[in-house]
């Protein structure tokens, strides 16, 4: 019994229903494919801008090994017995500490001390370079290197007009590795002091930022350990009196430098 419906009618209804379902499924699949397929207009759209690097890469200057290097003192980077394994050290060279008269806004003409230096990354990877230069007199008083932009072009013109020099503001960044044969990819900088102790017969300049070396020392009171960083110490002797300041009276000590944890 077909409950009033003939077999032909039921078959016709089922065929129609199957056709409708297949049509609906095909439409859904087509719409899904459209959703998955890329819009042709997207190909014409430009790529989004990459976010700016938070730490800039420092531009380097090629320095040939056979170039005359009169007046430079190069620092040996041989590991110390107290160094931890795996630390890195940047190559550093400097010229004698010099004095230059500079017109400083708000302070007038001042005789400033400056240290002209060169740094090269001979490690196998880019390294952050955030140097600190601290002058310390015999009594332990500290003099931080100052931001004196007016001194930069004067130092560059005196040392080498063809090589750009970076000061305290624009020397910070990432130093790329130097791997060329016979040529160093170097960065040249200058540390400047417009305040110092002109009565000191001996003083040192501590240079931080050339290595990731550090060590922790137990605090005397049992509190938080004291962290000391691998630091280059440059030692100087100044002869003469404090009223007649001359760069010719400043000489490197013997030995002229040492690596310390400070």
C-alpha atoms as a PDB file:
ATOM      1  CA  UNK A   1       0.000   0.000   0.000  1.00  0.00           C
ATOM      2  CA  UNK A   2       1.282   3.496  -0.884  1.00  0.00           C
ATOM      3  CA  UNK A   3      -1.042   5.564   1.270  1.00  0.00           C
ATOM      4  CA  UNK A   4      -2.643   7.288  -1.697  1.00  0.00           C
ATOM      5  CA  UNK A   5       0.601   7.990  -3.535  1.00  0.00           C
ATOM      6  CA  UNK A   6       1.470   6.058  -6.677  1.00  0.00           C
ATOM      7  CA  UNK A   7       4.933   4.563  -7.077  1.00  0.00           C
ATOM      8  CA  UNK A   8       5.645   6.888  -9.962  1.00  0.00           C
ATOM      9  CA  UNK A   9       4.739   9.924  -7.902  1.00  0.00           C
ATOM     10  CA  UNK A  10       6.918   8.848  -4.987  1.00  0.00           C
ATOM     11  CA  UNK A  11       9.856   8.140  -7.285  1.00  0.00           C
ATOM     12  CA  UNK A  12       9.442  11.491  -8.977  1.00  0.00           C
ATOM     13  CA  UNK A  13       9.394  13.243  -5.580  1.00  0.00           C
ATOM     14  CA  UNK A  14      12.561  11.471  -4.436  1.00  0.00           C
ATOM     15  CA  UNK A  15      14.381  12.356  -7.635  1.00  0.00           C
ATOM     16  CA  UNK A  16      13.389  15.995  -7.266  1.00  0.00           C
ATOM     17  CA  UNK A  17      14.503  16.002  -3.616  1.00  0.00           C
ATOM     18  CA  UNK A  18      17.864  14.408  -4.464  1.00  0.00           C
ATOM     19  CA  UNK A  19      18.413  16.958  -7.220  1.00  0.00           C
ATOM     20  CA  UNK A  20      17.599  19.800  -4.850  1.00  0.00           C
ATOM     21  CA  UNK A  21      19.998  18.455  -2.216  1.00  0.00           C
ATOM     22  CA  UNK A  22      22.794  17.991  -4.713  1.00  0.00           C
ATOM     23  CA  UNK A  23      22.274  21.498  -6.051  1.00  0.00           C
ATOM     24  CA  UNK A  24      22.392  22.925  -2.536  1.00  0.00           C
ATOM     25  CA  UNK A  25      25.543  20.956  -1.706  1.00  0.00           C
ATOM     26  CA  UNK A  26      27.217  22.152  -4.894  1.00  0.00           C
ATOM     27  CA  UNK A  27      26.323  25.756  -4.082  1.00  0.00           C
ATOM     28  CA  UNK A  28      27.714  25.430  -0.555  1.00  0.00           C
ATOM     29  CA  UNK A  29      30.923  23.857  -1.877  1.00  0.00           C
ATOM     30  CA  UNK A  30      31.292  26.625  -4.453  1.00  0.00           C
ATOM     31  CA  UNK A  31      30.842  29.298  -1.824  1.00  0.00           C
ATOM     32  CA  UNK A  32      33.379  27.554   0.418  1.00  0.00           C
ATOM     33  CA  UNK A  33      35.847  27.378  -2.455  1.00  0.00           C
ATOM     34  CA  UNK A  34      35.345  31.078  -3.111  1.00  0.00           C
ATOM     35  CA  UNK A  35      36.049  31.769   0.534  1.00  0.00           C
ATOM     36  CA  UNK A  36      39.274  29.724   0.388  1.00  0.00           C
ATOM     37  CA  UNK A  37      40.514  30.952  -2.976  1.00  0.00           C
ATOM     38  CA  UNK A  38      42.532  34.201  -2.813  1.00  0.00           C
ATOM     39  CA  UNK A  39      40.990  37.327  -4.159  1.00  0.00           C
ATOM     40  CA  UNK A  40      42.762  38.288  -7.436  1.00  0.00           C
ATOM     41  CA  UNK A  41      42.754  41.880  -6.203  1.00  0.00           C
ATOM     42  CA  UNK A  42      44.975  40.826  -3.272  1.00  0.00           C
ATOM     43  CA  UNK A  43      47.841  40.207  -5.647  1.00  0.00           C
ATOM     44  CA  UNK A  44      47.930  43.888  -6.522  1.00  0.00           C
ATOM     45  CA  UNK A  45      48.020  44.997  -2.907  1.00  0.00           C
ATOM     46  CA  UNK A  46      51.493  45.895  -1.509  1.00  0.00           C
ATOM     47  CA  UNK A  47      53.025  43.898   1.306  1.00  0.00           C
ATOM     48  CA  UNK A  48      52.501  45.481   4.739  1.00  0.00           C
ATOM     49  CA  UNK A  49      55.441  47.476   6.037  1.00  0.00           C
ATOM     50  CA  UNK A  50      57.761  45.566   8.344  1.00  0.00           C
ATOM     51  CA  UNK A  51      57.934  46.961  11.865  1.00  0.00           C
ATOM     52  CA  UNK A  52      61.043  49.089  12.376  1.00  0.00           C
ATOM     53  CA  UNK A  53      63.986  47.482  14.139  1.00  0.00           C
ATOM     54  CA  UNK A  54      64.173  48.573  17.759  1.00  0.00           C
ATOM     55  CA  UNK A  55      67.975  48.407  17.731  1.00  0.00           C
ATOM     56  CA  UNK A  56      69.682  49.845  14.621  1.00  0.00           C
ATOM     57  CA  UNK A  57      72.643  48.181  12.966  1.00  0.00           C
ATOM     58  CA  UNK A  58      75.710  50.390  13.100  1.00  0.00           C
ATOM     59  CA  UNK A  59      77.192  51.258   9.688  1.00  0.00           C
ATOM     60  CA  UNK A  60      80.827  50.234   9.467  1.00  0.00           C
ATOM     61  CA  UNK A  61      83.900  51.653   7.749  1.00  0.00           C
ATOM     62  CA  UNK A  62      86.384  49.363   5.938  1.00  0.00           C
ATOM     63  CA  UNK A  63      89.834  49.543   7.561  1.00  0.00           C
ATOM     64  CA  UNK A  64      92.626  47.755   5.725  1.00  0.00           C
ATOM     65  CA  UNK A  65      95.115  45.822   7.824  1.00  0.00           C
ATOM     66  CA  UNK A  66      98.037  47.236   5.839  1.00  0.00           C
ATOM     67  CA  UNK A  67      96.945  50.818   6.488  1.00  0.00           C
ATOM     68  CA  UNK A  68      99.308  52.907   8.593  1.00  0.00           C
ATOM     69  CA  UNK A  69      97.985  53.013  12.142  1.00  0.00           C
ATOM     70  CA  UNK A  70     100.266  55.533  13.818  1.00  0.00           C
ATOM     71  CA  UNK A  71      99.347  56.288  17.414  1.00  0.00           C
ATOM     72  CA  UNK A  72      96.848  53.465  17.883  1.00  0.00           C
ATOM     73  CA  UNK A  73      96.958  51.133  20.878  1.00  0.00           C
ATOM     74  CA  UNK A  74      95.236  47.804  20.206  1.00  0.00           C
ATOM     75  CA  UNK A  75      93.747  45.829  23.082  1.00  0.00           C
ATOM     76  CA  UNK A  76      94.368  42.110  23.411  1.00  0.00           C
ATOM     77  CA  UNK A  77      91.183  40.082  23.862  1.00  0.00           C
ATOM     78  CA  UNK A  78      92.767  36.902  25.235  1.00  0.00           C
ATOM     79  CA  UNK A  79      90.362  35.336  27.768  1.00  0.00           C
ATOM     80  CA  UNK A  80      91.155  35.823  31.443  1.00  0.00           C
ATOM     81  CA  UNK A  81      91.370  32.888  33.879  1.00  0.00           C
ATOM     82  CA  UNK A  82      88.309  34.273  35.670  1.00  0.00           C
ATOM     83  CA  UNK A  83      86.231  34.556  32.466  1.00  0.00           C
ATOM     84  CA  UNK A  84      83.277  32.234  32.111  1.00  0.00           C
ATOM     85  CA  UNK A  85      83.308  29.952  29.106  1.00  0.00           C
ATOM     86  CA  UNK A  86      81.600  31.165  25.934  1.00  0.00           C
ATOM     87  CA  UNK A  87      81.655  34.919  26.506  1.00  0.00           C
ATOM     88  CA  UNK A  88      82.409  37.278  23.618  1.00  0.00           C
ATOM     89  CA  UNK A  89      84.718  40.304  23.461  1.00  0.00           C
ATOM     90  CA  UNK A  90      84.878  43.053  20.842  1.00  0.00           C
ATOM     91  CA  UNK A  91      88.216  44.269  19.480  1.00  0.00           C
ATOM     92  CA  UNK A  92      89.074  47.770  20.665  1.00  0.00           C
ATOM     93  CA  UNK A  93      91.816  50.251  19.788  1.00  0.00           C
ATOM     94  CA  UNK A  94      92.307  53.843  20.902  1.00  0.00           C
ATOM     95  CA  UNK A  95      94.496  56.865  20.348  1.00  0.00           C
ATOM     96  CA  UNK A  96      96.114  58.931  23.133  1.00  0.00           C
ATOM     97  CA  UNK A  97      93.782  60.966  25.301  1.00  0.00           C
ATOM     98  CA  UNK A  98      93.666  64.480  23.856  1.00  0.00           C
ATOM     99  CA  UNK A  99      92.363  67.936  24.703  1.00  0.00           C
ATOM    100  CA  UNK A 100      90.416  70.169  22.340  1.00  0.00           C
ATOM    101  CA  UNK A 101      88.788  73.556  22.800  1.00  0.00           C
ATOM    102  CA  UNK A 102      85.089  73.487  21.928  1.00  0.00           C
ATOM    103  CA  UNK A 103      82.361  76.110  22.024  1.00  0.00           C
ATOM    104  CA  UNK A 104      79.684  74.507  24.225  1.00  0.00           C
ATOM    105  CA  UNK A 105      76.245  76.195  24.236  1.00  0.00           C
ATOM    106  CA  UNK A 106      75.521  77.724  27.608  1.00  0.00           C
ATOM    107  CA  UNK A 107      79.068  77.086  28.849  1.00  0.00           C
ATOM    108  CA  UNK A 108      81.229  79.041  26.428  1.00  0.00           C
ATOM    109  CA  UNK A 109      84.625  77.886  25.188  1.00  0.00           C
ATOM    110  CA  UNK A 110      85.780  74.867  27.134  1.00  0.00           C
ATOM    111  CA  UNK A 111      88.790  72.565  26.961  1.00  0.00           C
ATOM    112  CA  UNK A 112      87.374  69.048  26.741  1.00  0.00           C
ATOM    113  CA  UNK A 113      89.168  65.713  27.020  1.00  0.00           C
ATOM    114  CA  UNK A 114      88.353  63.180  24.329  1.00  0.00           C
ATOM    115  CA  UNK A 115      89.196  59.549  23.575  1.00  0.00           C
ATOM    116  CA  UNK A 116      89.138  58.581  19.896  1.00  0.00           C
ATOM    117  CA  UNK A 117      88.574  54.851  19.424  1.00  0.00           C
ATOM    118  CA  UNK A 118      87.835  52.058  16.954  1.00  0.00           C
ATOM    119  CA  UNK A 119      85.784  48.916  17.640  1.00  0.00           C
ATOM    120  CA  UNK A 120      85.489  45.758  15.493  1.00  0.00           C
ATOM    121  CA  UNK A 121      83.357  42.655  15.938  1.00  0.00           C
ATOM    122  CA  UNK A 122      85.479  39.592  15.185  1.00  0.00           C
ATOM    123  CA  UNK A 123      83.001  37.198  16.803  1.00  0.00           C
ATOM    124  CA  UNK A 124      80.696  34.969  14.778  1.00  0.00           C
ATOM    125  CA  UNK A 125      77.454  36.908  15.310  1.00  0.00           C
ATOM    126  CA  UNK A 126      76.099  40.477  15.577  1.00  0.00           C
ATOM    127  CA  UNK A 127      76.711  41.950  19.020  1.00  0.00           C
ATOM    128  CA  UNK A 128      75.020  44.800  20.904  1.00  0.00           C
ATOM    129  CA  UNK A 129      77.287  47.766  21.506  1.00  0.00           C
ATOM    130  CA  UNK A 130      76.236  50.138  24.290  1.00  0.00           C
ATOM    131  CA  UNK A 131      79.529  51.581  25.530  1.00  0.00           C
ATOM    132  CA  UNK A 132      80.079  53.477  28.751  1.00  0.00           C
ATOM    133  CA  UNK A 133      83.200  55.553  29.359  1.00  0.00           C
ATOM    134  CA  UNK A 134      83.812  56.573  32.966  1.00  0.00           C
ATOM    135  CA  UNK A 135      86.849  58.575  34.060  1.00  0.00           C
ATOM    136  CA  UNK A 136      87.905  57.907  37.675  1.00  0.00           C
ATOM    137  CA  UNK A 137      90.494  59.939  39.592  1.00  0.00           C
ATOM    138  CA  UNK A 138      92.765  58.803  42.408  1.00  0.00           C
ATOM    139  CA  UNK A 139      90.097  59.447  45.048  1.00  0.00           C
ATOM    140  CA  UNK A 140      87.531  57.337  43.196  1.00  0.00           C
ATOM    141  CA  UNK A 141      85.457  60.256  41.923  1.00  0.00           C
ATOM    142  CA  UNK A 142      83.673  59.403  38.670  1.00  0.00           C
ATOM    143  CA  UNK A 143      83.242  61.579  35.594  1.00  0.00           C
ATOM    144  CA  UNK A 144      80.803  60.297  32.977  1.00  0.00           C
ATOM    145  CA  UNK A 145      81.422  60.971  29.293  1.00  0.00           C
ATOM    146  CA  UNK A 146      79.243  63.861  28.176  1.00  0.00           C
ATOM    147  CA  UNK A 147      77.001  64.538  25.194  1.00  0.00           C
ATOM    148  CA  UNK A 148      78.855  67.327  23.383  1.00  0.00           C
ATOM    149  CA  UNK A 149      77.733  67.202  19.715  1.00  0.00           C
ATOM    150  CA  UNK A 150      79.752  70.318  18.924  1.00  0.00           C
ATOM    151  CA  UNK A 151      82.950  68.328  19.568  1.00  0.00           C
ATOM    152  CA  UNK A 152      82.211  65.581  17.007  1.00  0.00           C
ATOM    153  CA  UNK A 153      83.065  67.473  13.783  1.00  0.00           C
ATOM    154  CA  UNK A 154      86.123  69.022  15.428  1.00  0.00           C
ATOM    155  CA  UNK A 155      87.460  65.623  16.467  1.00  0.00           C
ATOM    156  CA  UNK A 156      86.700  64.116  13.056  1.00  0.00           C
ATOM    157  CA  UNK A 157      88.495  66.938  11.253  1.00  0.00           C
ATOM    158  CA  UNK A 158      91.523  66.529  13.508  1.00  0.00           C
ATOM    159  CA  UNK A 159      91.777  62.721  13.484  1.00  0.00           C
ATOM    160  CA  UNK A 160      90.617  61.762   9.971  1.00  0.00           C
ATOM    161  CA  UNK A 161      88.153  63.896   7.973  1.00  0.00           C
ATOM    162  CA  UNK A 162      87.319  60.917   5.714  1.00  0.00           C
ATOM    163  CA  UNK A 163      85.939  58.726   8.526  1.00  0.00           C
ATOM    164  CA  UNK A 164      82.575  59.495  10.171  1.00  0.00           C
ATOM    165  CA  UNK A 165      82.804  59.632  13.952  1.00  0.00           C
ATOM    166  CA  UNK A 166      80.008  58.702  16.326  1.00  0.00           C
ATOM    167  CA  UNK A 167      79.434  60.271  19.712  1.00  0.00           C
ATOM    168  CA  UNK A 168      77.610  59.201  22.868  1.00  0.00           C
ATOM    169  CA  UNK A 169      74.150  59.534  21.289  1.00  0.00           C
ATOM    170  CA  UNK A 170      74.478  57.654  17.980  1.00  0.00           C
ATOM    171  CA  UNK A 171      77.124  55.048  18.873  1.00  0.00           C
ATOM    172  CA  UNK A 172      74.593  52.636  20.390  1.00  0.00           C
ATOM    173  CA  UNK A 173      73.362  49.773  18.219  1.00  0.00           C
ATOM    174  CA  UNK A 174      74.206  46.347  16.870  1.00  0.00           C
ATOM    175  CA  UNK A 175      77.721  45.786  15.559  1.00  0.00           C
ATOM    176  CA  UNK A 176      77.762  43.326  12.621  1.00  0.00           C
ATOM    177  CA  UNK A 177      80.526  40.705  12.482  1.00  0.00           C
ATOM    178  CA  UNK A 178      83.634  41.461  10.431  1.00  0.00           C
ATOM    179  CA  UNK A 179      84.737  38.477   8.358  1.00  0.00           C
ATOM    180  CA  UNK A 180      86.581  39.929   5.351  1.00  0.00           C
ATOM    181  CA  UNK A 181      90.179  38.953   4.661  1.00  0.00           C
ATOM    182  CA  UNK A 182      92.630  41.798   5.267  1.00  0.00           C
ATOM    183  CA  UNK A 183      89.896  44.343   6.054  1.00  0.00           C
ATOM    184  CA  UNK A 184      88.100  45.196   9.281  1.00  0.00           C
ATOM    185  CA  UNK A 185      84.525  46.477   9.299  1.00  0.00           C
ATOM    186  CA  UNK A 186      85.052  49.065  12.009  1.00  0.00           C
ATOM    187  CA  UNK A 187      83.049  51.694  13.839  1.00  0.00           C
ATOM    188  CA  UNK A 188      84.826  54.858  14.963  1.00  0.00           C
ATOM    189  CA  UNK A 189      83.677  56.759  18.006  1.00  0.00           C
ATOM    190  CA  UNK A 190      84.700  59.393  20.499  1.00  0.00           C
ATOM    191  CA  UNK A 191      84.079  59.779  24.224  1.00  0.00           C
ATOM    192  CA  UNK A 192      84.138  63.366  25.505  1.00  0.00           C
ATOM    193  CA  UNK A 193      84.493  64.851  28.993  1.00  0.00           C
ATOM    194  CA  UNK A 194      83.810  68.521  29.637  1.00  0.00           C
ATOM    195  CA  UNK A 195      84.302  67.980  33.379  1.00  0.00           C
ATOM    196  CA  UNK A 196      87.287  66.272  35.014  1.00  0.00           C
ATOM    197  CA  UNK A 197      89.780  66.614  37.854  1.00  0.00           C
ATOM    198  CA  UNK A 198      92.629  68.739  36.496  1.00  0.00           C
ATOM    199  CA  UNK A 199      94.655  68.176  39.678  1.00  0.00           C
ATOM    200  CA  UNK A 200      94.805  64.378  39.329  1.00  0.00           C
ATOM    201  CA  UNK A 201      98.271  62.959  38.641  1.00  0.00           C
ATOM    202  CA  UNK A 202      96.827  59.548  37.831  1.00  0.00           C
ATOM    203  CA  UNK A 203      93.433  58.533  36.544  1.00  0.00           C
ATOM    204  CA  UNK A 204      91.740  55.705  34.679  1.00  0.00           C
ATOM    205  CA  UNK A 205      89.042  55.393  32.042  1.00  0.00           C
ATOM    206  CA  UNK A 206      86.765  52.388  32.435  1.00  0.00           C
ATOM    207  CA  UNK A 207      85.170  51.131  29.216  1.00  0.00           C
ATOM    208  CA  UNK A 208      82.091  48.946  29.543  1.00  0.00           C
ATOM    209  CA  UNK A 209      80.101  47.339  26.728  1.00  0.00           C
ATOM    210  CA  UNK A 210      82.934  45.489  24.981  1.00  0.00           C
ATOM    211  CA  UNK A 211      81.932  42.081  26.357  1.00  0.00           C
ATOM    212  CA  UNK A 212      79.013  40.163  27.831  1.00  0.00           C
ATOM    213  CA  UNK A 213      81.233  38.855  30.619  1.00  0.00           C
ATOM    214  CA  UNK A 214      80.061  39.257  34.207  1.00  0.00           C
ATOM    215  CA  UNK A 215      80.328  37.585  37.572  1.00  0.00           C
ATOM    216  CA  UNK A 216      78.397  37.712  40.808  1.00  0.00           C
ATOM    217  CA  UNK A 217      80.094  38.409  44.117  1.00  0.00           C
ATOM    218  CA  UNK A 218      78.386  37.592  47.432  1.00  0.00           C
ATOM    219  CA  UNK A 219      77.265  40.732  49.210  1.00  0.00           C
ATOM    220  CA  UNK A 220      79.089  41.437  52.502  1.00  0.00           C
ATOM    221  CA  UNK A 221      75.767  41.753  54.328  1.00  0.00           C
ATOM    222  CA  UNK A 222      74.437  38.517  52.882  1.00  0.00           C
ATOM    223  CA  UNK A 223      71.949  40.307  50.673  1.00  0.00           C
ATOM    224  CA  UNK A 224      71.589  40.330  46.897  1.00  0.00           C
ATOM    225  CA  UNK A 225      74.841  39.371  45.104  1.00  0.00           C
ATOM    226  CA  UNK A 226      76.865  42.184  43.545  1.00  0.00           C
ATOM    227  CA  UNK A 227      77.203  41.953  39.763  1.00  0.00           C
ATOM    228  CA  UNK A 228      80.489  43.059  38.219  1.00  0.00           C
ATOM    229  CA  UNK A 229      81.020  43.324  34.452  1.00  0.00           C
ATOM    230  CA  UNK A 230      84.072  42.610  32.359  1.00  0.00           C
ATOM    231  CA  UNK A 231      85.493  46.090  31.794  1.00  0.00           C
ATOM    232  CA  UNK A 232      88.516  47.530  30.024  1.00  0.00           C
ATOM    233  CA  UNK A 233      90.545  49.876  32.236  1.00  0.00           C
ATOM    234  CA  UNK A 234      92.838  52.400  30.545  1.00  0.00           C
ATOM    235  CA  UNK A 235      95.397  53.937  32.911  1.00  0.00           C
ATOM    236  CA  UNK A 236      96.995  57.370  32.465  1.00  0.00           C
ATOM    237  CA  UNK A 237      99.589  59.572  34.141  1.00  0.00           C
ATOM    238  CA  UNK A 238      99.422  63.364  33.928  1.00  0.00           C
ATOM    239  CA  UNK A 239     102.516  65.394  34.661  1.00  0.00           C
ATOM    240  CA  UNK A 240     102.504  69.128  35.297  1.00  0.00           C
ATOM    241  CA  UNK A 241     100.371  71.458  37.387  1.00  0.00           C
ATOM    242  CA  UNK A 242      96.644  71.998  37.270  1.00  0.00           C
ATOM    243  CA  UNK A 243      96.913  75.546  35.927  1.00  0.00           C
ATOM    244  CA  UNK A 244      98.775  74.630  32.767  1.00  0.00           C
ATOM    245  CA  UNK A 245      96.683  71.891  31.164  1.00  0.00           C
ATOM    246  CA  UNK A 246      98.275  70.298  28.103  1.00  0.00           C
ATOM    247  CA  UNK A 247      97.580  67.008  26.341  1.00  0.00           C
ATOM    248  CA  UNK A 248     101.339  66.523  25.949  1.00  0.00           C
ATOM    249  CA  UNK A 249     101.531  65.955  29.701  1.00  0.00           C
ATOM    250  CA  UNK A 250      99.122  62.984  29.542  1.00  0.00           C
ATOM    251  CA  UNK A 251     100.869  59.639  29.080  1.00  0.00           C
ATOM    252  CA  UNK A 252      99.686  56.038  29.237  1.00  0.00           C
ATOM    253  CA  UNK A 253     100.755  54.206  32.377  1.00  0.00           C
ATOM    254  CA  UNK A 254     102.892  51.070  32.304  1.00  0.00           C
ATOM    255  CA  UNK A 255     101.091  48.796  31.563  1.00  0.00           C
ATOM    256  CA  UNK A 256      98.630  51.040  29.713  1.00  0.00           C
ATOM    257  CA  UNK A 257      95.529  48.899  30.244  1.00  0.00           C
ATOM    258  CA  UNK A 258      94.033  45.892  31.988  1.00  0.00           C
ATOM    259  CA  UNK A 259      90.840  43.838  31.864  1.00  0.00           C
ATOM    260  CA  UNK A 260      88.997  43.909  35.186  1.00  0.00           C
ATOM    261  CA  UNK A 261      85.599  43.033  36.598  1.00  0.00           C
ATOM    262  CA  UNK A 262      84.143  46.357  37.755  1.00  0.00           C
END
